[in-house]
Amino acid sequence: MSYDLKIRQEATKEFSNAFLWYEEQQSGLGDVFETAIRRKLNQISRSPYHYKADYNQFHQALTEKFPFLIVYVIDENLKQITVMAIFHTSRNPNKKIRK
């Protein structure tokens, strides 16, 4: 059973900024990045508990080919996943989640 995905505005902004940066580096690379993110989001939607949660109940899924984590929480009652951040792994980990 797939869970519904909700993506916070902050995560959408992080994704857009990364997409534009990759596209500036090489034409078409932004599209490759987008595909990697979409694949990982589909995997999360199908199997949200595959990626373990930390002590705050935030799950983290590392994307393939790109150094980004998708940080999310699961609402089991609503069968919904909320993507909190699309986070570059070189950044300060204390800034993953902006509440």
PDB file of N, CA and C in Angstrom:
ATOM      1  N   MET A   1       0.830  -1.184   0.000  1.00  0.00           N
ATOM      2  CA  MET A   1       0.000   0.000   0.000  1.00  0.00           C
ATOM      3  C   MET A   1       0.872   1.244   0.000  1.00  0.00           C
ATOM      4  N   SER A   2       0.623   2.152  -0.907  1.00  0.00           N
ATOM      5  CA  SER A   2       1.373   3.400  -0.975  1.00  0.00           C
ATOM      6  C   SER A   2       0.782   4.440  -0.027  1.00  0.00           C
ATOM      7  N   TYR A   3       1.650   5.232   0.516  1.00  0.00           N
ATOM      8  CA  TYR A   3       1.249   6.339   1.368  1.00  0.00           C
ATOM      9  C   TYR A   3       1.182   7.602   0.505  1.00  0.00           C
ATOM     10  N   ASP A   4       0.316   8.533   0.905  1.00  0.00           N
ATOM     11  CA  ASP A   4       0.266   9.824   0.224  1.00  0.00           C
ATOM     12  C   ASP A   4       1.502  10.627   0.610  1.00  0.00           C
ATOM     13  N   LEU A   5       1.989  11.413  -0.335  1.00  0.00           N
ATOM     14  CA  LEU A   5       3.156  12.260  -0.087  1.00  0.00           C
ATOM     15  C   LEU A   5       2.731  13.717   0.014  1.00  0.00           C
ATOM     16  N   LYS A   6       3.250  14.365   1.035  1.00  0.00           N
ATOM     17  CA  LYS A   6       3.073  15.805   1.195  1.00  0.00           C
ATOM     18  C   LYS A   6       4.484  16.376   1.298  1.00  0.00           C
ATOM     19  N   ILE A   7       4.770  17.392   0.524  1.00  0.00           N
ATOM     20  CA  ILE A   7       6.119  17.969   0.529  1.00  0.00           C
ATOM     21  C   ILE A   7       6.030  19.397   1.048  1.00  0.00           C
ATOM     22  N   ARG A   8       6.737  19.659   2.127  1.00  0.00           N
ATOM     23  CA  ARG A   8       6.728  21.007   2.712  1.00  0.00           C
ATOM     24  C   ARG A   8       7.338  22.006   1.740  1.00  0.00           C
ATOM     25  N   GLN A   9       6.900  23.230   1.847  1.00  0.00           N
ATOM     26  CA  GLN A   9       7.378  24.298   0.973  1.00  0.00           C
ATOM     27  C   GLN A   9       8.895  24.447   1.062  1.00  0.00           C
ATOM     28  N   GLU A  10       9.445  24.297   2.260  1.00  0.00           N
ATOM     29  CA  GLU A  10      10.896  24.420   2.436  1.00  0.00           C
ATOM     30  C   GLU A  10      11.635  23.339   1.648  1.00  0.00           C
ATOM     31  N   ALA A  11      11.093  22.134   1.640  1.00  0.00           N
ATOM     32  CA  ALA A  11      11.718  21.040   0.892  1.00  0.00           C
ATOM     33  C   ALA A  11      11.625  21.291  -0.608  1.00  0.00           C
ATOM     34  N   THR A  12      10.504  21.831  -1.047  1.00  0.00           N
ATOM     35  CA  THR A  12      10.345  22.167  -2.463  1.00  0.00           C
ATOM     36  C   THR A  12      11.363  23.225  -2.873  1.00  0.00           C
ATOM     37  N   LYS A  13      11.578  24.199  -2.017  1.00  0.00           N
ATOM     38  CA  LYS A  13      12.562  25.249  -2.307  1.00  0.00           C
ATOM     39  C   LYS A  13      13.976  24.665  -2.367  1.00  0.00           C
ATOM     40  N   GLU A  14      14.308  23.775  -1.441  1.00  0.00           N
ATOM     41  CA  GLU A  14      15.626  23.129  -1.453  1.00  0.00           C
ATOM     42  C   GLU A  14      15.819  22.340  -2.746  1.00  0.00           C
ATOM     43  N   PHE A  15      14.771  21.625  -3.150  1.00  0.00           N
ATOM     44  CA  PHE A  15      14.837  20.866  -4.394  1.00  0.00           C
ATOM     45  C   PHE A  15      15.056  21.799  -5.582  1.00  0.00           C
ATOM     46  N   SER A  16      14.281  22.872  -5.666  1.00  0.00           N
ATOM     47  CA  SER A  16      14.385  23.810  -6.793  1.00  0.00           C
ATOM     48  C   SER A  16      15.768  24.434  -6.881  1.00  0.00           C
ATOM     49  N   ASN A  17      16.309  24.830  -5.741  1.00  0.00           N
ATOM     50  CA  ASN A  17      17.652  25.423  -5.728  1.00  0.00           C
ATOM     51  C   ASN A  17      18.698  24.423  -6.214  1.00  0.00           C
ATOM     52  N   ALA A  18      18.598  23.183  -5.761  1.00  0.00           N
ATOM     53  CA  ALA A  18      19.551  22.153  -6.190  1.00  0.00           C
ATOM     54  C   ALA A  18      19.387  21.856  -7.676  1.00  0.00           C
ATOM     55  N   PHE A  19      18.148  21.758  -8.137  1.00  0.00           N
ATOM     56  CA  PHE A  19      17.883  21.508  -9.553  1.00  0.00           C
ATOM     57  C   PHE A  19      18.552  22.579 -10.412  1.00  0.00           C
ATOM     58  N   LEU A  20      18.343  23.844 -10.056  1.00  0.00           N
ATOM     59  CA  LEU A  20      18.934  24.946 -10.831  1.00  0.00           C
ATOM     60  C   LEU A  20      20.456  24.899 -10.784  1.00  0.00           C
ATOM     61  N   TRP A  21      21.029  24.590  -9.620  1.00  0.00           N
ATOM     62  CA  TRP A  21      22.478  24.522  -9.502  1.00  0.00           C
ATOM     63  C   TRP A  21      23.032  23.427 -10.410  1.00  0.00           C
ATOM     64  N   TYR A  22      22.436  22.244 -10.380  1.00  0.00           N
ATOM     65  CA  TYR A  22      22.908  21.149 -11.234  1.00  0.00           C
ATOM     66  C   TYR A  22      22.737  21.490 -12.711  1.00  0.00           C
ATOM     67  N   GLU A  23      21.668  22.154 -13.054  1.00  0.00           N
ATOM     68  CA  GLU A  23      21.426  22.523 -14.452  1.00  0.00           C
ATOM     69  C   GLU A  23      22.465  23.542 -14.926  1.00  0.00           C
ATOM     70  N   GLU A  24      22.894  24.434 -14.024  1.00  0.00           N
ATOM     71  CA  GLU A  24      23.946  25.401 -14.368  1.00  0.00           C
ATOM     72  C   GLU A  24      25.291  24.707 -14.573  1.00  0.00           C
ATOM     73  N   GLN A  25      25.515  23.616 -13.843  1.00  0.00           N
ATOM     74  CA  GLN A  25      26.781  22.900 -13.975  1.00  0.00           C
ATOM     75  C   GLN A  25      26.877  22.181 -15.312  1.00  0.00           C
ATOM     76  N   GLN A  26      25.742  21.608 -15.731  1.00  0.00           N
ATOM     77  CA  GLN A  26      25.715  20.863 -17.002  1.00  0.00           C
ATOM     78  C   GLN A  26      24.264  20.744 -17.452  1.00  0.00           C
ATOM     79  N   SER A  27      24.023  21.101 -18.687  1.00  0.00           N
ATOM     80  CA  SER A  27      22.670  21.015 -19.231  1.00  0.00           C
ATOM     81  C   SER A  27      22.155  19.575 -19.143  1.00  0.00           C
ATOM     82  N   GLY A  28      20.973  19.413 -18.586  1.00  0.00           N
ATOM     83  CA  GLY A  28      20.372  18.094 -18.435  1.00  0.00           C
ATOM     84  C   GLY A  28      20.638  17.437 -17.097  1.00  0.00           C
ATOM     85  N   LEU A  29      21.647  17.926 -16.363  1.00  0.00           N
ATOM     86  CA  LEU A  29      21.972  17.314 -15.073  1.00  0.00           C
ATOM     87  C   LEU A  29      20.869  17.569 -14.045  1.00  0.00           C
ATOM     88  N   GLY A  30      20.200  18.701 -14.170  1.00  0.00           N
ATOM     89  CA  GLY A  30      19.061  18.970 -13.294  1.00  0.00           C
ATOM     90  C   GLY A  30      17.973  17.932 -13.475  1.00  0.00           C
ATOM     91  N   ASP A  31      17.756  17.513 -14.720  1.00  0.00           N
ATOM     92  CA  ASP A  31      16.748  16.481 -14.990  1.00  0.00           C
ATOM     93  C   ASP A  31      17.150  15.138 -14.382  1.00  0.00           C
ATOM     94  N   VAL A  32      18.434  14.828 -14.429  1.00  0.00           N
ATOM     95  CA  VAL A  32      18.926  13.584 -13.823  1.00  0.00           C
ATOM     96  C   VAL A  32      18.706  13.642 -12.303  1.00  0.00           C
ATOM     97  N   PHE A  33      18.983  14.799 -11.718  1.00  0.00           N
ATOM     98  CA  PHE A  33      18.746  15.001 -10.286  1.00  0.00           C
ATOM     99  C   PHE A  33      17.263  14.820  -9.955  1.00  0.00           C
ATOM    100  N   GLU A  34      16.402  15.439 -10.755  1.00  0.00           N
ATOM    101  CA  GLU A  34      14.959  15.320 -10.522  1.00  0.00           C
ATOM    102  C   GLU A  34      14.506  13.860 -10.588  1.00  0.00           C
ATOM    103  N   THR A  35      15.020  13.122 -11.554  1.00  0.00           N
ATOM    104  CA  THR A  35      14.673  11.707 -11.682  1.00  0.00           C
ATOM    105  C   THR A  35      15.109  10.925 -10.447  1.00  0.00           C
ATOM    106  N   ALA A  36      16.302  11.213  -9.940  1.00  0.00           N
ATOM    107  CA  ALA A  36      16.799  10.523  -8.741  1.00  0.00           C
ATOM    108  C   ALA A  36      15.911  10.821  -7.533  1.00  0.00           C
ATOM    109  N   ILE A  37      15.493  12.069  -7.401  1.00  0.00           N
ATOM    110  CA  ILE A  37      14.619  12.449  -6.285  1.00  0.00           C
ATOM    111  C   ILE A  37      13.264  11.766  -6.424  1.00  0.00           C
ATOM    112  N   ARG A  38      12.701  11.787  -7.620  1.00  0.00           N
ATOM    113  CA  ARG A  38      11.380  11.163  -7.842  1.00  0.00           C
ATOM    114  C   ARG A  38      11.421   9.654  -7.568  1.00  0.00           C
ATOM    115  N   ARG A  39      12.481   9.006  -8.006  1.00  0.00           N
ATOM    116  CA  ARG A  39      12.613   7.564  -7.741  1.00  0.00           C
ATOM    117  C   ARG A  39      12.637   7.279  -6.243  1.00  0.00           C
ATOM    118  N   LYS A  40      13.421   8.078  -5.532  1.00  0.00           N
ATOM    119  CA  LYS A  40      13.517   7.856  -4.089  1.00  0.00           C
ATOM    120  C   LYS A  40      12.184   8.157  -3.407  1.00  0.00           C
ATOM    121  N   LEU A  41      11.485   9.199  -3.847  1.00  0.00           N
ATOM    122  CA  LEU A  41      10.172   9.502  -3.271  1.00  0.00           C
ATOM    123  C   LEU A  41       9.182   8.363  -3.528  1.00  0.00           C
ATOM    124  N   ASN A  42       9.252   7.763  -4.703  1.00  0.00           N
ATOM    125  CA  ASN A  42       8.384   6.619  -5.001  1.00  0.00           C
ATOM    126  C   ASN A  42       8.706   5.436  -4.091  1.00  0.00           C
ATOM    127  N   GLN A  43       9.997   5.193  -3.867  1.00  0.00           N
ATOM    128  CA  GLN A  43      10.399   4.109  -2.961  1.00  0.00           C
ATOM    129  C   GLN A  43       9.894   4.380  -1.543  1.00  0.00           C
ATOM    130  N   ILE A  44      10.037   5.620  -1.108  1.00  0.00           N
ATOM    131  CA  ILE A  44       9.575   5.998   0.230  1.00  0.00           C
ATOM    132  C   ILE A  44       8.066   5.803   0.338  1.00  0.00           C
ATOM    133  N   SER A  45       7.346   6.213  -0.682  1.00  0.00           N
ATOM    134  CA  SER A  45       5.886   6.094  -0.679  1.00  0.00           C
ATOM    135  C   SER A  45       5.433   4.634  -0.573  1.00  0.00           C
ATOM    136  N   ARG A  46       6.152   3.750  -1.234  1.00  0.00           N
ATOM    137  CA  ARG A  46       5.798   2.324  -1.222  1.00  0.00           C
ATOM    138  C   ARG A  46       6.243   1.618   0.060  1.00  0.00           C
ATOM    139  N   SER A  47       7.397   2.012   0.587  1.00  0.00           N
ATOM    140  CA  SER A  47       7.963   1.338   1.772  1.00  0.00           C
ATOM    141  C   SER A  47       8.555   2.366   2.732  1.00  0.00           C
ATOM    142  N   PRO A  48       7.723   3.153   3.386  1.00  0.00           N
ATOM    143  CA  PRO A  48       8.249   4.248   4.211  1.00  0.00           C
ATOM    144  C   PRO A  48       9.088   3.799   5.402  1.00  0.00           C
ATOM    145  N   TYR A  49       8.857   2.595   5.898  1.00  0.00           N
ATOM    146  CA  TYR A  49       9.606   2.127   7.063  1.00  0.00           C
ATOM    147  C   TYR A  49      10.924   1.449   6.688  1.00  0.00           C
ATOM    148  N   HIS A  50      11.223   1.394   5.407  1.00  0.00           N
ATOM    149  CA  HIS A  50      12.489   0.814   4.955  1.00  0.00           C
ATOM    150  C   HIS A  50      13.676   1.616   5.495  1.00  0.00           C
ATOM    151  N   TYR A  51      13.488   2.912   5.618  1.00  0.00           N
ATOM    152  CA  TYR A  51      14.550   3.801   6.104  1.00  0.00           C
ATOM    153  C   TYR A  51      14.293   4.081   7.577  1.00  0.00           C
ATOM    154  N   LYS A  52      15.299   3.824   8.399  1.00  0.00           N
ATOM    155  CA  LYS A  52      15.086   3.908   9.840  1.00  0.00           C
ATOM    156  C   LYS A  52      14.889   5.350  10.306  1.00  0.00           C
ATOM    157  N   ALA A  53      14.237   5.463  11.441  1.00  0.00           N
ATOM    158  CA  ALA A  53      13.973   6.766  12.049  1.00  0.00           C
ATOM    159  C   ALA A  53      15.028   7.060  13.108  1.00  0.00           C
ATOM    160  N   ASP A  54      15.319   8.345  13.285  1.00  0.00           N
ATOM    161  CA  ASP A  54      16.213   8.737  14.369  1.00  0.00           C
ATOM    162  C   ASP A  54      15.378   8.949  15.637  1.00  0.00           C
ATOM    163  N   TYR A  55      15.985   9.483  16.657  1.00  0.00           N
ATOM    164  CA  TYR A  55      15.297   9.639  17.939  1.00  0.00           C
ATOM    165  C   TYR A  55      14.132  10.624  17.881  1.00  0.00           C
ATOM    166  N   ASN A  56      14.088  11.479  16.871  1.00  0.00           N
ATOM    167  CA  ASN A  56      12.980  12.427  16.704  1.00  0.00           C
ATOM    168  C   ASN A  56      11.908  11.908  15.753  1.00  0.00           C
ATOM    169  N   GLN A  57      12.031  10.657  15.354  1.00  0.00           N
ATOM    170  CA  GLN A  57      11.099  10.025  14.417  1.00  0.00           C
ATOM    171  C   GLN A  57      11.204  10.563  12.990  1.00  0.00           C
ATOM    172  N   PHE A  58      12.326  11.180  12.658  1.00  0.00           N
ATOM    173  CA  PHE A  58      12.589  11.600  11.284  1.00  0.00           C
ATOM    174  C   PHE A  58      13.295  10.456  10.562  1.00  0.00           C
ATOM    175  N   HIS A  59      12.750  10.061   9.442  1.00  0.00           N
ATOM    176  CA  HIS A  59      13.374   9.045   8.598  1.00  0.00           C
ATOM    177  C   HIS A  59      14.263   9.761   7.582  1.00  0.00           C
ATOM    178  N   GLN A  60      15.344   9.093   7.163  1.00  0.00           N
ATOM    179  CA  GLN A  60      16.269   9.698   6.210  1.00  0.00           C
ATOM    180  C   GLN A  60      16.618   8.689   5.125  1.00  0.00           C
ATOM    181  N   ALA A  61      16.389   9.108   3.876  1.00  0.00           N
ATOM    182  CA  ALA A  61      16.692   8.248   2.730  1.00  0.00           C
ATOM    183  C   ALA A  61      17.725   8.956   1.859  1.00  0.00           C
ATOM    184  N   LEU A  62      18.841   8.303   1.633  1.00  0.00           N
ATOM    185  CA  LEU A  62      19.904   8.856   0.797  1.00  0.00           C
ATOM    186  C   LEU A  62      19.585   8.594  -0.673  1.00  0.00           C
ATOM    187  N   THR A  63      19.706   9.630  -1.496  1.00  0.00           N
ATOM    188  CA  THR A  63      19.449   9.467  -2.927  1.00  0.00           C
ATOM    189  C   THR A  63      20.643   8.795  -3.594  1.00  0.00           C
ATOM    190  N   GLU A  64      20.379   8.208  -4.738  1.00  0.00           N
ATOM    191  CA  GLU A  64      21.449   7.595  -5.511  1.00  0.00           C
ATOM    192  C   GLU A  64      22.046   8.641  -6.447  1.00  0.00           C
ATOM    193  N   LYS A  65      23.348   8.604  -6.617  1.00  0.00           N
ATOM    194  CA  LYS A  65      24.115   9.453  -7.525  1.00  0.00           C
ATOM    195  C   LYS A  65      24.287  10.890  -7.044  1.00  0.00           C
ATOM    196  N   PHE A  66      23.491  11.346  -6.098  1.00  0.00           N
ATOM    197  CA  PHE A  66      23.576  12.722  -5.623  1.00  0.00           C
ATOM    198  C   PHE A  66      23.647  12.715  -4.098  1.00  0.00           C
ATOM    199  N   PRO A  67      24.437  13.642  -3.514  1.00  0.00           N
ATOM    200  CA  PRO A  67      24.619  13.644  -2.059  1.00  0.00           C
ATOM    201  C   PRO A  67      23.482  14.362  -1.324  1.00  0.00           C
ATOM    202  N   PHE A  68      22.282  13.822  -1.441  1.00  0.00           N
ATOM    203  CA  PHE A  68      21.112  14.425  -0.808  1.00  0.00           C
ATOM    204  C   PHE A  68      20.360  13.394   0.013  1.00  0.00           C
ATOM    205  N   LEU A  69      19.864  13.858   1.156  1.00  0.00           N
ATOM    206  CA  LEU A  69      18.977  13.071   2.000  1.00  0.00           C
ATOM    207  C   LEU A  69      17.561  13.606   1.845  1.00  0.00           C
ATOM    208  N   ILE A  70      16.610  12.710   1.802  1.00  0.00           N
ATOM    209  CA  ILE A  70      15.213  13.103   1.901  1.00  0.00           C
ATOM    210  C   ILE A  70      14.801  12.782   3.330  1.00  0.00           C
ATOM    211  N   VAL A  71      14.427  13.816   4.070  1.00  0.00           N
ATOM    212  CA  VAL A  71      14.063  13.682   5.473  1.00  0.00           C
ATOM    213  C   VAL A  71      12.540  13.762   5.560  1.00  0.00           C
ATOM    214  N   TYR A  72      11.936  12.769   6.225  1.00  0.00           N
ATOM    215  CA  TYR A  72      10.477  12.727   6.244  1.00  0.00           C
ATOM    216  C   TYR A  72       9.951  12.122   7.541  1.00  0.00           C
ATOM    217  N   VAL A  73       8.671  12.376   7.780  1.00  0.00           N
ATOM    218  CA  VAL A  73       7.959  11.775   8.905  1.00  0.00           C
ATOM    219  C   VAL A  73       6.752  11.023   8.357  1.00  0.00           C
ATOM    220  N   ILE A  74       6.303  10.054   9.130  1.00  0.00           N
ATOM    221  CA  ILE A  74       5.176   9.218   8.723  1.00  0.00           C
ATOM    222  C   ILE A  74       4.015   9.450   9.686  1.00  0.00           C
ATOM    223  N   ASP A  75       2.848   9.706   9.121  1.00  0.00           N
ATOM    224  CA  ASP A  75       1.615   9.757   9.904  1.00  0.00           C
ATOM    225  C   ASP A  75       0.839   8.489   9.572  1.00  0.00           C
ATOM    226  N   GLU A  76       0.930   7.525  10.456  1.00  0.00           N
ATOM    227  CA  GLU A  76       0.310   6.228  10.205  1.00  0.00           C
ATOM    228  C   GLU A  76      -1.213   6.329  10.151  1.00  0.00           C
ATOM    229  N   ASN A  77      -1.791   7.201  10.956  1.00  0.00           N
ATOM    230  CA  ASN A  77      -3.255   7.352  10.956  1.00  0.00           C
ATOM    231  C   ASN A  77      -3.778   7.845   9.619  1.00  0.00           C
ATOM    232  N   LEU A  78      -3.082   8.800   9.016  1.00  0.00           N
ATOM    233  CA  LEU A  78      -3.500   9.360   7.728  1.00  0.00           C
ATOM    234  C   LEU A  78      -2.908   8.613   6.543  1.00  0.00           C
ATOM    235  N   LYS A  79      -1.989   7.670   6.826  1.00  0.00           N
ATOM    236  CA  LYS A  79      -1.250   6.990   5.753  1.00  0.00           C
ATOM    237  C   LYS A  79      -0.581   8.037   4.862  1.00  0.00           C
ATOM    238  N   GLN A  80       0.110   8.963   5.528  1.00  0.00           N
ATOM    239  CA  GLN A  80       0.716  10.092   4.827  1.00  0.00           C
ATOM    240  C   GLN A  80       2.174  10.260   5.242  1.00  0.00           C
ATOM    241  N   ILE A  81       2.982  10.611   4.271  1.00  0.00           N
ATOM    242  CA  ILE A  81       4.390  10.929   4.486  1.00  0.00           C
ATOM    243  C   ILE A  81       4.555  12.414   4.226  1.00  0.00           C
ATOM    244  N   THR A  82       5.218  13.100   5.149  1.00  0.00           N
ATOM    245  CA  THR A  82       5.524  14.510   4.954  1.00  0.00           C
ATOM    246  C   THR A  82       7.027  14.649   4.779  1.00  0.00           C
ATOM    247  N   VAL A  83       7.432  15.143   3.621  1.00  0.00           N
ATOM    248  CA  VAL A  83       8.849  15.393   3.350  1.00  0.00           C
ATOM    249  C   VAL A  83       9.197  16.727   3.991  1.00  0.00           C
ATOM    250  N   MET A  84      10.090  16.664   4.959  1.00  0.00           N
ATOM    251  CA  MET A  84      10.484  17.846   5.714  1.00  0.00           C
ATOM    252  C   MET A  84      11.628  18.598   5.048  1.00  0.00           C
ATOM    253  N   ALA A  85      12.531  17.859   4.396  1.00  0.00           N
ATOM    254  CA  ALA A  85      13.708  18.486   3.797  1.00  0.00           C
ATOM    255  C   ALA A  85      14.276  17.596   2.699  1.00  0.00           C
ATOM    256  N   ILE A  86      14.878  18.249   1.728  1.00  0.00           N
ATOM    257  CA  ILE A  86      15.725  17.595   0.729  1.00  0.00           C
ATOM    258  C   ILE A  86      17.079  18.258   0.946  1.00  0.00           C
ATOM    259  N   PHE A  87      17.952  17.541   1.624  1.00  0.00           N
ATOM    260  CA  PHE A  87      19.088  18.131   2.323  1.00  0.00           C
ATOM    261  C   PHE A  87      20.417  17.648   1.761  1.00  0.00           C
ATOM    262  N   HIS A  88      21.290  18.589   1.375  1.00  0.00           N
ATOM    263  CA  HIS A  88      22.627  18.238   0.894  1.00  0.00           C
ATOM    264  C   HIS A  88      23.454  17.735   2.071  1.00  0.00           C
ATOM    265  N   THR A  89      24.105  16.607   1.894  1.00  0.00           N
ATOM    266  CA  THR A  89      24.810  15.955   2.996  1.00  0.00           C
ATOM    267  C   THR A  89      26.038  16.713   3.493  1.00  0.00           C
ATOM    268  N   SER A  90      26.518  17.700   2.744  1.00  0.00           N
ATOM    269  CA  SER A  90      27.686  18.458   3.205  1.00  0.00           C
ATOM    270  C   SER A  90      27.297  19.591   4.156  1.00  0.00           C
ATOM    271  N   ARG A  91      26.018  19.862   4.272  1.00  0.00           N
ATOM    272  CA  ARG A  91      25.563  20.945   5.147  1.00  0.00           C
ATOM    273  C   ARG A  91      25.553  20.503   6.606  1.00  0.00           C
ATOM    274  N   ASN A  92      25.461  21.484   7.478  1.00  0.00           N
ATOM    275  CA  ASN A  92      25.409  21.234   8.911  1.00  0.00           C
ATOM    276  C   ASN A  92      24.178  20.382   9.231  1.00  0.00           C
ATOM    277  N   PRO A  93      24.360  19.182   9.777  1.00  0.00           N
ATOM    278  CA  PRO A  93      23.212  18.310  10.035  1.00  0.00           C
ATOM    279  C   PRO A  93      22.222  18.882  11.045  1.00  0.00           C
ATOM    280  N   ASN A  94      22.653  19.833  11.854  1.00  0.00           N
ATOM    281  CA  ASN A  94      21.736  20.460  12.804  1.00  0.00           C
ATOM    282  C   ASN A  94      20.715  21.361  12.118  1.00  0.00           C
ATOM    283  N   LYS A  95      20.923  21.631  10.835  1.00  0.00           N
ATOM    284  CA  LYS A  95      20.012  22.514  10.102  1.00  0.00           C
ATOM    285  C   LYS A  95      19.119  21.747   9.128  1.00  0.00           C
ATOM    286  N   LYS A  96      19.017  20.440   9.306  1.00  0.00           N
ATOM    287  CA  LYS A  96      18.193  19.633   8.398  1.00  0.00           C
ATOM    288  C   LYS A  96      16.735  20.045   8.440  1.00  0.00           C
ATOM    289  N   ILE A  97      16.227  20.249   9.625  1.00  0.00           N
ATOM    290  CA  ILE A  97      14.806  20.511   9.790  1.00  0.00           C
ATOM    291  C   ILE A  97      14.620  21.919  10.332  1.00  0.00           C
ATOM    292  N   ARG A  98      13.863  22.698   9.589  1.00  0.00           N
ATOM    293  CA  ARG A  98      13.469  24.029  10.052  1.00  0.00           C
ATOM    294  C   ARG A  98      11.995  23.949  10.405  1.00  0.00           C
ATOM    295  N   LYS A  99      11.697  24.122  11.654  1.00  0.00           N
ATOM    296  CA  LYS A  99      10.299  23.978  12.092  1.00  0.00           C
ATOM    297  C   LYS A  99       9.526  25.256  11.920  1.00  0.00           C
TER     298      LYS A  99
END
